[in-house]
């Protein structure tokens, strides 16, 4: 199967998931970070997003790219 064939077979969501999977696998394999480091950062991100959901929404007149 070629990359083009795989791209045509997969939905948009599946293509995104495959991209994240491939990038993380490569970065771990190359030693950029460990599986444990990835897990910790994943957990931190989810916890931060959950806190945002639980907190009252504030209007920020100067949103940053980090808010996205």
C-alpha atoms as a PDB file:
ATOM      1  CA  UNK A   1       0.000   0.000   0.000  1.00  0.00           C
ATOM      2  CA  UNK A   2       1.274   3.470  -0.795  1.00  0.00           C
ATOM      3  CA  UNK A   3       0.871   6.554   1.352  1.00  0.00           C
ATOM      4  CA  UNK A   4      -1.569   7.979  -1.202  1.00  0.00           C
ATOM      5  CA  UNK A   5      -3.700   4.809  -1.040  1.00  0.00           C
ATOM      6  CA  UNK A   6      -3.692   4.877   2.748  1.00  0.00           C
ATOM      7  CA  UNK A   7      -4.693   8.553   2.744  1.00  0.00           C
ATOM      8  CA  UNK A   8      -7.634   7.812   0.451  1.00  0.00           C
ATOM      9  CA  UNK A   9      -8.787   4.880   2.582  1.00  0.00           C
ATOM     10  CA  UNK A  10      -8.731   6.760   5.890  1.00  0.00           C
ATOM     11  CA  UNK A  11     -11.215   9.323   7.110  1.00  0.00           C
ATOM     12  CA  UNK A  12     -10.016  12.769   8.145  1.00  0.00           C
ATOM     13  CA  UNK A  13     -10.071  11.722  11.810  1.00  0.00           C
ATOM     14  CA  UNK A  14      -8.192   8.496  11.055  1.00  0.00           C
ATOM     15  CA  UNK A  15      -5.551  10.425   9.064  1.00  0.00           C
ATOM     16  CA  UNK A  16      -5.015  12.735  12.035  1.00  0.00           C
ATOM     17  CA  UNK A  17      -4.720   9.791  14.435  1.00  0.00           C
ATOM     18  CA  UNK A  18      -2.302   8.009  12.086  1.00  0.00           C
ATOM     19  CA  UNK A  19      -0.179  11.153  11.830  1.00  0.00           C
ATOM     20  CA  UNK A  20       0.040  11.528  15.607  1.00  0.00           C
ATOM     21  CA  UNK A  21       0.806   7.823  15.984  1.00  0.00           C
ATOM     22  CA  UNK A  22       3.573   7.941  13.360  1.00  0.00           C
ATOM     23  CA  UNK A  23       5.137  11.118  14.736  1.00  0.00           C
ATOM     24  CA  UNK A  24       5.131   9.906  18.339  1.00  0.00           C
ATOM     25  CA  UNK A  25       6.465   6.481  17.358  1.00  0.00           C
ATOM     26  CA  UNK A  26       9.301   8.072  15.397  1.00  0.00           C
ATOM     27  CA  UNK A  27      10.176  10.543  18.155  1.00  0.00           C
ATOM     28  CA  UNK A  28      10.253   7.777  20.764  1.00  0.00           C
ATOM     29  CA  UNK A  29      12.267   5.484  18.462  1.00  0.00           C
ATOM     30  CA  UNK A  30      14.782   8.277  17.758  1.00  0.00           C
ATOM     31  CA  UNK A  31      15.152   8.924  21.495  1.00  0.00           C
ATOM     32  CA  UNK A  32      13.747  12.460  21.421  1.00  0.00           C
ATOM     33  CA  UNK A  33      11.582  11.486  24.373  1.00  0.00           C
ATOM     34  CA  UNK A  34      10.552   8.314  26.184  1.00  0.00           C
ATOM     35  CA  UNK A  35       7.179   6.647  26.271  1.00  0.00           C
ATOM     36  CA  UNK A  36       6.939   7.634  29.944  1.00  0.00           C
ATOM     37  CA  UNK A  37       7.634  11.300  29.107  1.00  0.00           C
ATOM     38  CA  UNK A  38       4.944  11.187  26.435  1.00  0.00           C
ATOM     39  CA  UNK A  39       2.460   9.688  28.879  1.00  0.00           C
ATOM     40  CA  UNK A  40       3.223  12.346  31.505  1.00  0.00           C
ATOM     41  CA  UNK A  41       2.760  15.200  29.029  1.00  0.00           C
ATOM     42  CA  UNK A  42      -0.458  13.633  27.740  1.00  0.00           C
ATOM     43  CA  UNK A  43      -1.814  13.361  31.285  1.00  0.00           C
ATOM     44  CA  UNK A  44      -0.794  16.963  32.068  1.00  0.00           C
ATOM     45  CA  UNK A  45      -2.569  18.249  28.949  1.00  0.00           C
ATOM     46  CA  UNK A  46      -5.794  16.357  29.694  1.00  0.00           C
ATOM     47  CA  UNK A  47      -5.769  17.512  33.334  1.00  0.00           C
ATOM     48  CA  UNK A  48      -5.268  21.134  32.226  1.00  0.00           C
ATOM     49  CA  UNK A  49      -8.153  20.876  29.758  1.00  0.00           C
ATOM     50  CA  UNK A  50     -10.405  19.356  32.435  1.00  0.00           C
ATOM     51  CA  UNK A  51      -9.588  22.246  34.790  1.00  0.00           C
ATOM     52  CA  UNK A  52     -10.516  24.695  32.028  1.00  0.00           C
ATOM     53  CA  UNK A  53     -13.872  22.968  31.573  1.00  0.00           C
ATOM     54  CA  UNK A  54     -14.568  23.081  35.317  1.00  0.00           C
ATOM     55  CA  UNK A  55     -13.551  26.734  35.747  1.00  0.00           C
ATOM     56  CA  UNK A  56     -15.997  29.544  34.941  1.00  0.00           C
ATOM     57  CA  UNK A  57     -15.331  30.935  31.480  1.00  0.00           C
ATOM     58  CA  UNK A  58     -13.594  34.324  31.517  1.00  0.00           C
ATOM     59  CA  UNK A  59     -13.499  36.710  28.604  1.00  0.00           C
ATOM     60  CA  UNK A  60      -9.903  37.380  27.602  1.00  0.00           C
ATOM     61  CA  UNK A  61      -9.488  40.549  25.534  1.00  0.00           C
ATOM     62  CA  UNK A  62      -5.963  39.416  24.536  1.00  0.00           C
ATOM     63  CA  UNK A  63      -6.056  35.693  23.718  1.00  0.00           C
ATOM     64  CA  UNK A  64      -2.738  34.036  22.959  1.00  0.00           C
ATOM     65  CA  UNK A  65      -1.850  31.162  20.666  1.00  0.00           C
ATOM     66  CA  UNK A  66      -1.408  29.030  23.785  1.00  0.00           C
ATOM     67  CA  UNK A  67      -5.134  29.420  24.506  1.00  0.00           C
ATOM     68  CA  UNK A  68      -6.067  27.556  21.332  1.00  0.00           C
END
